[in-house]
Amino acid sequence: MKVEATKLDGVLLITPDRFGDSRGFFSESWNQRRMAEAGIDLDFVQDNHSLSSKVGTVRGLHYQTPPHAQAKLVRCGRGALLDVAVDIRAGSPTFGQWASAELTAENGSQLLVPEGFAHGFVTLQPDTEIIYKCTDYYAPDCDRAIAHDDPALGIDWGVDPTQRTLSDKDAAAPNLADLETVFTWEGAA
């Protein structure tokens, strides 16, 4: 397993080993013992699986507030997506900054998005399937979103804005500057 840091502290790109032959491949997408050995100690309680049929489908930027904040481990089961994490921890030196990774069924890479980060993705191929683990259950009263196209974030989604498909909820999401701060950077004094 390969674990790579991103420019955001705690957001990791994890690529499990794959063992292949003429039949295909085998890979452990999650192994709690191996992750703990790599310094990743999370207890996942929910697995989610979504399908986005159109290229340019944007989901996010989503997060849950305490007491139901979630860390997520995101991978692509079919197709390809650009996965994005945004630091929303008050006092963080990287507050409002983002990191992204292209996750595909072929590369098998996963993005670990800790609590205190908003998460979103855009599909790069038709019929893209996204599979992700969460450390807390979905709690509608704690569900929040940030505008994916907030100019202050400047996220390069790699897809023409006129070709993006969003839910009504995501299209109406507020900008980062309009959010109530609910996460605090642990390094803040």
N, C-alpha and C. Protein backbone atom coordinates (compact mmCIF):
# COMPACT_ATOMS: atom_id res chain seq x y z
N MET A 1 0.84 -1.17 0.00
CA MET A 1 0.00 0.00 0.00
C MET A 1 0.89 1.24 0.00
N LYS A 2 0.52 2.19 -0.84
CA LYS A 2 1.27 3.44 -0.94
C LYS A 2 0.42 4.54 -0.32
N VAL A 3 0.99 5.31 0.61
CA VAL A 3 0.29 6.43 1.25
C VAL A 3 1.06 7.70 0.94
N GLU A 4 0.38 8.65 0.29
CA GLU A 4 1.01 9.91 -0.09
C GLU A 4 0.29 11.08 0.57
N ALA A 5 1.07 12.00 1.11
CA ALA A 5 0.51 13.22 1.67
C ALA A 5 0.11 14.15 0.52
N THR A 6 -0.89 14.98 0.76
CA THR A 6 -1.26 16.04 -0.17
C THR A 6 -0.82 17.36 0.45
N LYS A 7 -1.12 18.46 -0.19
CA LYS A 7 -0.74 19.75 0.37
C LYS A 7 -1.57 20.13 1.58
N LEU A 8 -2.62 19.36 1.89
CA LEU A 8 -3.46 19.61 3.05
C LEU A 8 -3.17 18.56 4.11
N ASP A 9 -2.76 18.99 5.28
CA ASP A 9 -2.41 18.09 6.37
C ASP A 9 -3.59 17.18 6.72
N GLY A 10 -3.36 15.88 6.64
CA GLY A 10 -4.39 14.90 6.98
C GLY A 10 -5.12 14.32 5.77
N VAL A 11 -5.13 15.04 4.66
CA VAL A 11 -5.74 14.52 3.43
C VAL A 11 -4.68 13.67 2.73
N LEU A 12 -5.00 12.39 2.56
CA LEU A 12 -4.02 11.43 2.04
C LEU A 12 -4.52 10.74 0.79
N LEU A 13 -3.60 10.48 -0.13
CA LEU A 13 -3.89 9.65 -1.29
C LEU A 13 -3.34 8.27 -0.99
N ILE A 14 -4.23 7.28 -0.96
CA ILE A 14 -3.88 5.91 -0.60
C ILE A 14 -4.10 5.01 -1.80
N THR A 15 -3.06 4.30 -2.19
CA THR A 15 -3.20 3.37 -3.32
C THR A 15 -2.84 1.98 -2.84
N PRO A 16 -3.85 1.13 -2.65
CA PRO A 16 -3.59 -0.24 -2.22
C PRO A 16 -2.87 -1.03 -3.31
N ASP A 17 -2.12 -2.03 -2.88
CA ASP A 17 -1.48 -2.93 -3.83
C ASP A 17 -2.54 -3.71 -4.59
N ARG A 18 -2.24 -4.00 -5.84
CA ARG A 18 -3.12 -4.84 -6.66
C ARG A 18 -2.31 -6.04 -7.13
N PHE A 19 -2.97 -7.18 -7.09
CA PHE A 19 -2.35 -8.42 -7.53
C PHE A 19 -3.19 -8.95 -8.68
N GLY A 20 -2.59 -8.95 -9.88
CA GLY A 20 -3.36 -9.31 -11.06
C GLY A 20 -2.81 -10.49 -11.81
N ASP A 21 -3.69 -11.07 -12.59
CA ASP A 21 -3.32 -12.12 -13.53
C ASP A 21 -4.32 -12.07 -14.67
N SER A 22 -4.39 -13.13 -15.46
CA SER A 22 -5.25 -13.13 -16.64
C SER A 22 -6.73 -12.99 -16.30
N ARG A 23 -7.11 -13.26 -15.06
CA ARG A 23 -8.51 -13.16 -14.64
C ARG A 23 -8.91 -11.74 -14.26
N GLY A 24 -7.92 -10.91 -13.91
CA GLY A 24 -8.20 -9.56 -13.43
C GLY A 24 -7.26 -9.22 -12.29
N PHE A 25 -7.80 -8.68 -11.19
CA PHE A 25 -6.94 -8.33 -10.06
C PHE A 25 -7.67 -8.55 -8.74
N PHE A 26 -6.89 -8.54 -7.66
CA PHE A 26 -7.40 -8.54 -6.30
C PHE A 26 -6.70 -7.41 -5.56
N SER A 27 -7.46 -6.71 -4.70
CA SER A 27 -6.89 -5.62 -3.92
C SER A 27 -7.67 -5.49 -2.62
N GLU A 28 -6.97 -5.21 -1.53
CA GLU A 28 -7.63 -4.89 -0.26
C GLU A 28 -7.85 -3.38 -0.23
N SER A 29 -9.09 -2.93 -0.38
CA SER A 29 -9.35 -1.50 -0.37
C SER A 29 -9.35 -0.94 1.05
N TRP A 30 -9.56 -1.79 2.03
CA TRP A 30 -9.47 -1.38 3.43
C TRP A 30 -8.99 -2.56 4.27
N ASN A 31 -7.96 -2.31 5.06
CA ASN A 31 -7.46 -3.29 6.02
C ASN A 31 -7.09 -2.48 7.26
N GLN A 32 -7.89 -2.61 8.30
CA GLN A 32 -7.73 -1.77 9.48
C GLN A 32 -6.33 -1.90 10.09
N ARG A 33 -5.79 -3.09 10.15
CA ARG A 33 -4.46 -3.29 10.73
C ARG A 33 -3.39 -2.59 9.90
N ARG A 34 -3.43 -2.75 8.58
CA ARG A 34 -2.43 -2.10 7.72
C ARG A 34 -2.56 -0.58 7.77
N MET A 35 -3.80 -0.10 7.82
CA MET A 35 -3.99 1.35 7.90
C MET A 35 -3.45 1.88 9.23
N ALA A 36 -3.71 1.17 10.32
CA ALA A 36 -3.20 1.60 11.63
C ALA A 36 -1.67 1.63 11.62
N GLU A 37 -1.04 0.65 10.96
CA GLU A 37 0.42 0.64 10.84
C GLU A 37 0.92 1.87 10.08
N ALA A 38 0.09 2.40 9.19
CA ALA A 38 0.43 3.60 8.41
C ALA A 38 0.01 4.88 9.14
N GLY A 39 -0.50 4.73 10.37
CA GLY A 39 -0.90 5.90 11.16
C GLY A 39 -2.32 6.36 10.94
N ILE A 40 -3.11 5.54 10.27
CA ILE A 40 -4.51 5.88 9.99
C ILE A 40 -5.39 5.01 10.87
N ASP A 41 -5.95 5.62 11.90
CA ASP A 41 -6.75 4.88 12.87
C ASP A 41 -8.18 5.41 12.85
N LEU A 42 -8.99 4.84 12.00
CA LEU A 42 -10.38 5.28 11.83
C LEU A 42 -11.32 4.09 11.98
N ASP A 43 -12.50 4.37 12.48
CA ASP A 43 -13.54 3.35 12.63
C ASP A 43 -14.68 3.72 11.69
N PHE A 44 -14.75 3.03 10.56
CA PHE A 44 -15.80 3.31 9.58
C PHE A 44 -17.08 2.58 9.97
N VAL A 45 -18.22 3.27 9.85
CA VAL A 45 -19.50 2.70 10.26
C VAL A 45 -20.51 2.63 9.12
N GLN A 46 -20.21 3.25 7.98
CA GLN A 46 -21.18 3.28 6.88
C GLN A 46 -20.43 3.27 5.56
N ASP A 47 -20.89 2.46 4.61
CA ASP A 47 -20.38 2.46 3.24
C ASP A 47 -21.45 3.03 2.33
N ASN A 48 -21.04 3.92 1.42
CA ASN A 48 -21.96 4.52 0.45
C ASN A 48 -21.48 4.21 -0.96
N HIS A 49 -22.42 4.12 -1.88
CA HIS A 49 -22.12 3.78 -3.27
C HIS A 49 -23.07 4.62 -4.12
N SER A 50 -22.52 5.46 -5.00
CA SER A 50 -23.39 6.26 -5.87
C SER A 50 -22.96 6.10 -7.32
N LEU A 51 -23.91 6.31 -8.19
CA LEU A 51 -23.68 6.28 -9.63
C LEU A 51 -24.05 7.64 -10.19
N SER A 52 -23.18 8.18 -11.00
CA SER A 52 -23.46 9.42 -11.73
C SER A 52 -23.37 9.10 -13.20
N SER A 53 -24.48 9.23 -13.91
CA SER A 53 -24.52 8.78 -15.29
C SER A 53 -23.85 9.74 -16.27
N LYS A 54 -23.86 11.05 -15.98
CA LYS A 54 -23.31 12.02 -16.92
C LYS A 54 -21.91 12.49 -16.54
N VAL A 55 -21.09 12.71 -17.55
CA VAL A 55 -19.81 13.39 -17.35
C VAL A 55 -20.12 14.81 -16.89
N GLY A 56 -19.37 15.30 -15.91
CA GLY A 56 -19.59 16.65 -15.42
C GLY A 56 -20.56 16.74 -14.27
N THR A 57 -20.99 15.62 -13.72
CA THR A 57 -21.84 15.64 -12.54
C THR A 57 -20.99 16.03 -11.34
N VAL A 58 -21.40 17.09 -10.66
CA VAL A 58 -20.70 17.57 -9.47
C VAL A 58 -21.56 17.24 -8.26
N ARG A 59 -20.94 16.61 -7.28
CA ARG A 59 -21.61 16.36 -6.00
C ARG A 59 -20.71 16.98 -4.93
N GLY A 60 -21.27 17.94 -4.24
CA GLY A 60 -20.50 18.60 -3.18
C GLY A 60 -20.39 20.08 -3.44
N LEU A 61 -19.75 20.66 -2.58
CA LEU A 61 -18.83 20.25 -1.52
C LEU A 61 -19.62 20.00 -0.24
N HIS A 62 -19.58 18.81 0.30
CA HIS A 62 -20.40 18.42 1.45
C HIS A 62 -19.55 18.17 2.69
N TYR A 63 -20.19 18.33 3.84
CA TYR A 63 -19.60 17.93 5.12
C TYR A 63 -20.73 17.82 6.14
N GLN A 64 -20.44 17.17 7.24
CA GLN A 64 -21.38 17.10 8.36
C GLN A 64 -20.75 17.78 9.56
N THR A 65 -21.58 18.51 10.30
CA THR A 65 -21.11 19.21 11.49
C THR A 65 -21.10 18.26 12.69
N PRO A 66 -20.31 18.61 13.71
CA PRO A 66 -20.37 17.85 14.96
C PRO A 66 -21.79 17.93 15.54
N PRO A 67 -22.28 16.94 16.21
CA PRO A 67 -21.55 15.77 16.71
C PRO A 67 -21.49 14.61 15.72
N HIS A 68 -21.84 14.85 14.46
CA HIS A 68 -21.83 13.77 13.47
C HIS A 68 -20.86 14.05 12.31
N ALA A 69 -19.76 14.72 12.62
CA ALA A 69 -18.74 14.97 11.61
C ALA A 69 -18.22 13.63 11.08
N GLN A 70 -17.84 13.64 9.81
CA GLN A 70 -17.40 12.40 9.17
C GLN A 70 -16.02 12.56 8.53
N ALA A 71 -15.21 11.54 8.66
CA ALA A 71 -14.06 11.35 7.77
C ALA A 71 -14.56 10.40 6.69
N LYS A 72 -13.99 10.53 5.49
CA LYS A 72 -14.41 9.69 4.36
C LYS A 72 -13.18 9.11 3.67
N LEU A 73 -13.34 7.88 3.20
CA LEU A 73 -12.34 7.24 2.36
C LEU A 73 -13.03 6.93 1.03
N VAL A 74 -12.62 7.65 -0.02
CA VAL A 74 -13.35 7.66 -1.29
C VAL A 74 -12.54 6.92 -2.36
N ARG A 75 -13.24 6.08 -3.14
CA ARG A 75 -12.61 5.42 -4.27
C ARG A 75 -13.59 5.33 -5.43
N CYS A 76 -13.08 5.00 -6.59
CA CYS A 76 -13.90 4.88 -7.80
C CYS A 76 -14.05 3.41 -8.15
N GLY A 77 -15.28 2.95 -8.28
CA GLY A 77 -15.53 1.56 -8.64
C GLY A 77 -15.62 1.34 -10.14
N ARG A 78 -16.04 2.39 -10.87
CA ARG A 78 -16.14 2.32 -12.33
C ARG A 78 -16.03 3.74 -12.86
N GLY A 79 -15.33 3.92 -13.96
CA GLY A 79 -15.21 5.24 -14.56
C GLY A 79 -14.06 6.04 -13.97
N ALA A 80 -14.27 7.35 -13.83
CA ALA A 80 -13.23 8.25 -13.32
C ALA A 80 -13.86 9.49 -12.74
N LEU A 81 -13.21 10.02 -11.71
CA LEU A 81 -13.69 11.25 -11.08
C LEU A 81 -12.52 12.07 -10.58
N LEU A 82 -12.74 13.36 -10.44
CA LEU A 82 -11.80 14.23 -9.76
C LEU A 82 -12.38 14.46 -8.37
N ASP A 83 -11.64 14.03 -7.35
CA ASP A 83 -12.09 14.11 -5.97
C ASP A 83 -11.41 15.30 -5.31
N VAL A 84 -12.17 16.09 -4.54
CA VAL A 84 -11.67 17.35 -3.99
C VAL A 84 -11.97 17.42 -2.49
N ALA A 85 -10.98 17.89 -1.73
CA ALA A 85 -11.14 18.17 -0.30
C ALA A 85 -10.77 19.63 -0.07
N VAL A 86 -11.57 20.32 0.77
CA VAL A 86 -11.34 21.73 1.10
C VAL A 86 -11.22 21.85 2.61
N ASP A 87 -10.17 22.51 3.06
CA ASP A 87 -9.94 22.73 4.49
C ASP A 87 -10.91 23.79 5.00
N ILE A 88 -11.78 23.42 5.96
CA ILE A 88 -12.74 24.38 6.55
C ILE A 88 -12.53 24.50 8.05
N ARG A 89 -11.29 24.27 8.51
CA ARG A 89 -10.96 24.37 9.93
C ARG A 89 -10.48 25.78 10.25
N ALA A 90 -11.23 26.48 11.08
CA ALA A 90 -10.85 27.84 11.48
C ALA A 90 -9.46 27.82 12.10
N GLY A 91 -8.64 28.80 11.72
CA GLY A 91 -7.30 28.91 12.26
C GLY A 91 -6.26 28.08 11.54
N SER A 92 -6.67 27.23 10.63
CA SER A 92 -5.73 26.39 9.90
C SER A 92 -4.92 27.25 8.92
N PRO A 93 -3.62 26.98 8.80
CA PRO A 93 -2.83 27.72 7.81
C PRO A 93 -3.25 27.43 6.37
N THR A 94 -4.03 26.36 6.17
CA THR A 94 -4.51 26.05 4.82
C THR A 94 -6.03 26.22 4.70
N PHE A 95 -6.64 27.00 5.61
CA PHE A 95 -8.08 27.23 5.56
C PHE A 95 -8.47 27.76 4.18
N GLY A 96 -9.50 27.14 3.59
CA GLY A 96 -10.00 27.56 2.28
C GLY A 96 -9.20 27.03 1.11
N GLN A 97 -8.13 26.30 1.37
CA GLN A 97 -7.36 25.71 0.29
C GLN A 97 -7.90 24.31 -0.03
N TRP A 98 -7.61 23.85 -1.22
CA TRP A 98 -8.13 22.56 -1.66
C TRP A 98 -7.02 21.69 -2.23
N ALA A 99 -7.29 20.40 -2.20
CA ALA A 99 -6.42 19.40 -2.83
C ALA A 99 -7.33 18.46 -3.62
N SER A 100 -6.79 17.92 -4.70
CA SER A 100 -7.60 17.02 -5.52
C SER A 100 -6.77 15.83 -5.98
N ALA A 101 -7.47 14.80 -6.38
CA ALA A 101 -6.83 13.61 -6.94
C ALA A 101 -7.78 12.98 -7.94
N GLU A 102 -7.23 12.49 -9.04
CA GLU A 102 -8.05 11.76 -9.99
C GLU A 102 -8.12 10.31 -9.53
N LEU A 103 -9.33 9.86 -9.25
CA LEU A 103 -9.57 8.48 -8.84
C LEU A 103 -10.24 7.77 -10.00
N THR A 104 -9.69 6.63 -10.37
CA THR A 104 -10.27 5.85 -11.46
C THR A 104 -10.39 4.39 -11.05
N ALA A 105 -11.22 3.68 -11.77
CA ALA A 105 -11.32 2.24 -11.52
C ALA A 105 -9.97 1.58 -11.82
N GLU A 106 -9.23 2.11 -12.78
CA GLU A 106 -7.96 1.51 -13.17
C GLU A 106 -6.84 1.79 -12.16
N ASN A 107 -6.76 3.03 -11.62
CA ASN A 107 -5.63 3.31 -10.74
C ASN A 107 -5.86 2.83 -9.30
N GLY A 108 -7.11 2.60 -8.91
CA GLY A 108 -7.41 2.05 -7.60
C GLY A 108 -7.09 2.97 -6.43
N SER A 109 -6.72 4.20 -6.71
CA SER A 109 -6.37 5.13 -5.64
C SER A 109 -7.61 5.57 -4.86
N GLN A 110 -7.37 5.97 -3.61
CA GLN A 110 -8.43 6.42 -2.72
C GLN A 110 -8.00 7.73 -2.07
N LEU A 111 -8.95 8.60 -1.78
CA LEU A 111 -8.64 9.84 -1.08
C LEU A 111 -9.25 9.78 0.30
N LEU A 112 -8.41 10.00 1.31
CA LEU A 112 -8.86 10.06 2.70
C LEU A 112 -9.13 11.53 3.02
N VAL A 113 -10.38 11.82 3.37
CA VAL A 113 -10.82 13.18 3.69
C VAL A 113 -11.20 13.20 5.17
N PRO A 114 -10.38 13.81 6.03
CA PRO A 114 -10.67 13.80 7.46
C PRO A 114 -11.82 14.74 7.84
N GLU A 115 -12.26 14.64 9.09
CA GLU A 115 -13.21 15.61 9.62
C GLU A 115 -12.58 17.00 9.50
N GLY A 116 -13.42 18.00 9.30
CA GLY A 116 -12.92 19.36 9.18
C GLY A 116 -12.62 19.77 7.74
N PHE A 117 -12.97 18.90 6.81
CA PHE A 117 -12.79 19.18 5.39
C PHE A 117 -14.11 18.96 4.66
N ALA A 118 -14.42 19.85 3.73
CA ALA A 118 -15.56 19.63 2.83
C ALA A 118 -15.08 18.72 1.70
N HIS A 119 -15.99 17.94 1.15
CA HIS A 119 -15.64 16.96 0.13
C HIS A 119 -16.59 17.07 -1.05
N GLY A 120 -16.05 16.92 -2.24
CA GLY A 120 -16.87 16.90 -3.44
C GLY A 120 -16.12 16.23 -4.58
N PHE A 121 -16.84 15.96 -5.66
CA PHE A 121 -16.20 15.36 -6.82
C PHE A 121 -16.96 15.72 -8.08
N VAL A 122 -16.29 15.56 -9.21
CA VAL A 122 -16.91 15.71 -10.52
C VAL A 122 -16.57 14.46 -11.32
N THR A 123 -17.56 13.96 -12.06
CA THR A 123 -17.33 12.76 -12.86
C THR A 123 -16.64 13.14 -14.18
N LEU A 124 -15.69 12.29 -14.58
CA LEU A 124 -14.92 12.52 -15.80
C LEU A 124 -15.28 11.54 -16.90
N GLN A 125 -16.04 10.49 -16.55
CA GLN A 125 -16.50 9.51 -17.53
C GLN A 125 -17.96 9.21 -17.25
N PRO A 126 -18.70 8.76 -18.28
CA PRO A 126 -20.10 8.39 -18.03
C PRO A 126 -20.20 7.19 -17.11
N ASP A 127 -21.32 7.10 -16.41
CA ASP A 127 -21.62 5.97 -15.53
C ASP A 127 -20.50 5.70 -14.52
N THR A 128 -20.06 6.75 -13.87
CA THR A 128 -19.01 6.64 -12.86
C THR A 128 -19.63 6.24 -11.52
N GLU A 129 -19.03 5.24 -10.89
CA GLU A 129 -19.48 4.78 -9.58
C GLU A 129 -18.47 5.20 -8.51
N ILE A 130 -18.99 5.80 -7.45
CA ILE A 130 -18.19 6.27 -6.34
C ILE A 130 -18.55 5.44 -5.12
N ILE A 131 -17.53 4.94 -4.43
CA ILE A 131 -17.73 4.12 -3.24
C ILE A 131 -16.93 4.77 -2.12
N TYR A 132 -17.59 5.03 -0.99
CA TYR A 132 -16.84 5.65 0.10
C TYR A 132 -17.35 5.23 1.46
N LYS A 133 -16.38 5.15 2.37
CA LYS A 133 -16.64 4.79 3.76
C LYS A 133 -16.73 6.07 4.58
N CYS A 134 -17.55 6.04 5.65
CA CYS A 134 -17.71 7.19 6.53
C CYS A 134 -17.54 6.75 7.98
N THR A 135 -17.00 7.66 8.80
CA THR A 135 -16.78 7.35 10.21
C THR A 135 -17.97 7.68 11.09
N ASP A 136 -19.02 8.28 10.53
CA ASP A 136 -20.26 8.50 11.28
C ASP A 136 -21.42 8.31 10.32
N TYR A 137 -22.59 8.09 10.88
CA TYR A 137 -23.78 7.87 10.08
C TYR A 137 -24.28 9.19 9.49
N TYR A 138 -25.00 9.09 8.38
CA TYR A 138 -25.60 10.27 7.79
C TYR A 138 -26.60 10.87 8.78
N ALA A 139 -26.48 12.17 9.00
CA ALA A 139 -27.36 12.89 9.93
C ALA A 139 -27.88 14.13 9.20
N PRO A 140 -29.11 14.09 8.70
CA PRO A 140 -29.63 15.20 7.90
C PRO A 140 -29.55 16.56 8.59
N ASP A 141 -29.71 16.59 9.92
CA ASP A 141 -29.67 17.87 10.63
C ASP A 141 -28.25 18.44 10.71
N CYS A 142 -27.24 17.64 10.41
CA CYS A 142 -25.85 18.10 10.43
C CYS A 142 -25.27 18.25 9.02
N ASP A 143 -26.05 17.96 8.01
CA ASP A 143 -25.60 17.98 6.62
C ASP A 143 -25.46 19.43 6.13
N ARG A 144 -24.29 19.75 5.57
CA ARG A 144 -24.01 21.10 5.08
C ARG A 144 -23.30 21.01 3.73
N ALA A 145 -23.28 22.15 3.02
CA ALA A 145 -22.61 22.23 1.72
C ALA A 145 -22.00 23.61 1.52
N ILE A 146 -20.99 23.65 0.70
CA ILE A 146 -20.33 24.88 0.26
C ILE A 146 -20.42 24.90 -1.27
N ALA A 147 -20.56 26.09 -1.83
CA ALA A 147 -20.64 26.24 -3.28
C ALA A 147 -19.37 25.71 -3.94
N HIS A 148 -19.56 24.81 -4.88
CA HIS A 148 -18.42 24.20 -5.57
C HIS A 148 -17.67 25.22 -6.42
N ASP A 149 -18.37 26.28 -6.82
CA ASP A 149 -17.77 27.28 -7.70
C ASP A 149 -17.49 28.60 -6.98
N ASP A 150 -17.34 28.55 -5.67
CA ASP A 150 -17.00 29.74 -4.89
C ASP A 150 -15.70 30.33 -5.45
N PRO A 151 -15.72 31.58 -5.94
CA PRO A 151 -14.50 32.16 -6.51
C PRO A 151 -13.34 32.25 -5.50
N ALA A 152 -13.66 32.36 -4.22
CA ALA A 152 -12.61 32.43 -3.20
C ALA A 152 -11.84 31.12 -3.10
N LEU A 153 -12.48 30.00 -3.45
CA LEU A 153 -11.80 28.70 -3.44
C LEU A 153 -11.00 28.49 -4.71
N GLY A 154 -11.56 28.89 -5.84
CA GLY A 154 -10.85 28.77 -7.11
C GLY A 154 -10.54 27.34 -7.51
N ILE A 155 -11.46 26.43 -7.25
CA ILE A 155 -11.22 25.02 -7.59
C ILE A 155 -11.28 24.82 -9.10
N ASP A 156 -10.27 24.15 -9.62
CA ASP A 156 -10.24 23.79 -11.04
C ASP A 156 -10.85 22.41 -11.17
N TRP A 157 -12.11 22.36 -11.53
CA TRP A 157 -12.83 21.10 -11.64
C TRP A 157 -12.49 20.35 -12.93
N GLY A 158 -11.83 21.02 -13.86
CA GLY A 158 -11.43 20.34 -15.10
C GLY A 158 -12.58 20.07 -16.05
N VAL A 159 -13.75 20.69 -15.78
CA VAL A 159 -14.94 20.49 -16.61
C VAL A 159 -15.55 21.87 -16.87
N ASP A 160 -15.92 22.14 -18.09
CA ASP A 160 -16.54 23.41 -18.46
C ASP A 160 -17.76 23.67 -17.55
N PRO A 161 -17.82 24.87 -16.94
CA PRO A 161 -18.95 25.16 -16.03
C PRO A 161 -20.33 24.99 -16.68
N THR A 162 -20.43 25.21 -17.98
CA THR A 162 -21.73 25.05 -18.65
C THR A 162 -22.11 23.59 -18.84
N GLN A 163 -21.15 22.68 -18.61
CA GLN A 163 -21.40 21.25 -18.78
C GLN A 163 -21.61 20.52 -17.46
N ARG A 164 -21.66 21.27 -16.35
CA ARG A 164 -21.81 20.65 -15.03
C ARG A 164 -23.27 20.40 -14.70
N THR A 165 -23.52 19.28 -14.03
CA THR A 165 -24.84 18.92 -13.54
C THR A 165 -24.78 18.88 -12.02
N LEU A 166 -25.70 19.63 -11.38
CA LEU A 166 -25.73 19.70 -9.92
C LEU A 166 -27.14 19.46 -9.41
N SER A 167 -27.23 19.05 -8.15
CA SER A 167 -28.53 18.98 -7.49
C SER A 167 -28.97 20.40 -7.15
N ASP A 168 -30.26 20.59 -6.88
CA ASP A 168 -30.75 21.91 -6.46
C ASP A 168 -30.05 22.35 -5.18
N LYS A 169 -29.85 21.41 -4.25
CA LYS A 169 -29.19 21.72 -2.98
C LYS A 169 -27.77 22.24 -3.23
N ASP A 170 -27.01 21.56 -4.07
CA ASP A 170 -25.63 21.98 -4.33
C ASP A 170 -25.59 23.30 -5.10
N ALA A 171 -26.53 23.51 -6.01
CA ALA A 171 -26.56 24.76 -6.78
C ALA A 171 -26.85 25.96 -5.89
N ALA A 172 -27.53 25.74 -4.76
CA ALA A 172 -27.90 26.83 -3.85
C ALA A 172 -26.95 26.94 -2.65
N ALA A 173 -25.89 26.16 -2.62
CA ALA A 173 -24.98 26.15 -1.47
C ALA A 173 -24.29 27.51 -1.30
N PRO A 174 -24.07 27.93 -0.05
CA PRO A 174 -23.42 29.22 0.20
C PRO A 174 -21.91 29.15 -0.04
N ASN A 175 -21.32 30.32 -0.16
CA ASN A 175 -19.86 30.42 -0.27
C ASN A 175 -19.22 30.18 1.08
N LEU A 176 -17.93 29.88 1.07
CA LEU A 176 -17.19 29.61 2.29
C LEU A 176 -17.29 30.78 3.28
N ALA A 177 -17.23 32.00 2.80
CA ALA A 177 -17.27 33.18 3.68
C ALA A 177 -18.59 33.29 4.44
N ASP A 178 -19.63 32.63 3.96
CA ASP A 178 -20.95 32.71 4.59
C ASP A 178 -21.22 31.58 5.58
N LEU A 179 -20.24 30.71 5.78
CA LEU A 179 -20.45 29.56 6.66
C LEU A 179 -20.19 29.90 8.11
N GLU A 180 -20.95 29.23 8.98
CA GLU A 180 -20.66 29.26 10.40
C GLU A 180 -19.47 28.32 10.62
N THR A 181 -18.46 28.80 11.33
CA THR A 181 -17.27 27.98 11.59
C THR A 181 -17.59 26.97 12.68
N VAL A 182 -17.46 25.69 12.35
CA VAL A 182 -17.76 24.64 13.33
C VAL A 182 -16.55 23.74 13.62
N PHE A 183 -15.52 23.87 12.78
CA PHE A 183 -14.30 23.08 12.97
C PHE A 183 -13.16 24.03 13.30
N THR A 184 -12.28 23.61 14.19
CA THR A 184 -11.11 24.40 14.56
C THR A 184 -9.86 23.56 14.36
N TRP A 185 -8.87 24.18 13.78
CA TRP A 185 -7.59 23.52 13.55
C TRP A 185 -6.97 23.19 14.89
N GLU A 186 -6.51 21.96 15.06
CA GLU A 186 -5.94 21.52 16.34
C GLU A 186 -4.65 22.23 16.68
N GLY A 187 -3.96 22.77 15.69
CA GLY A 187 -2.72 23.48 15.95
C GLY A 187 -2.94 24.93 16.34
N ALA A 188 -4.21 25.38 16.27
CA ALA A 188 -4.50 26.78 16.63
C ALA A 188 -4.33 26.99 18.12
N ALA A 189 -3.81 28.16 18.50
CA ALA A 189 -3.59 28.46 19.91
C ALA A 189 -4.87 28.87 20.59
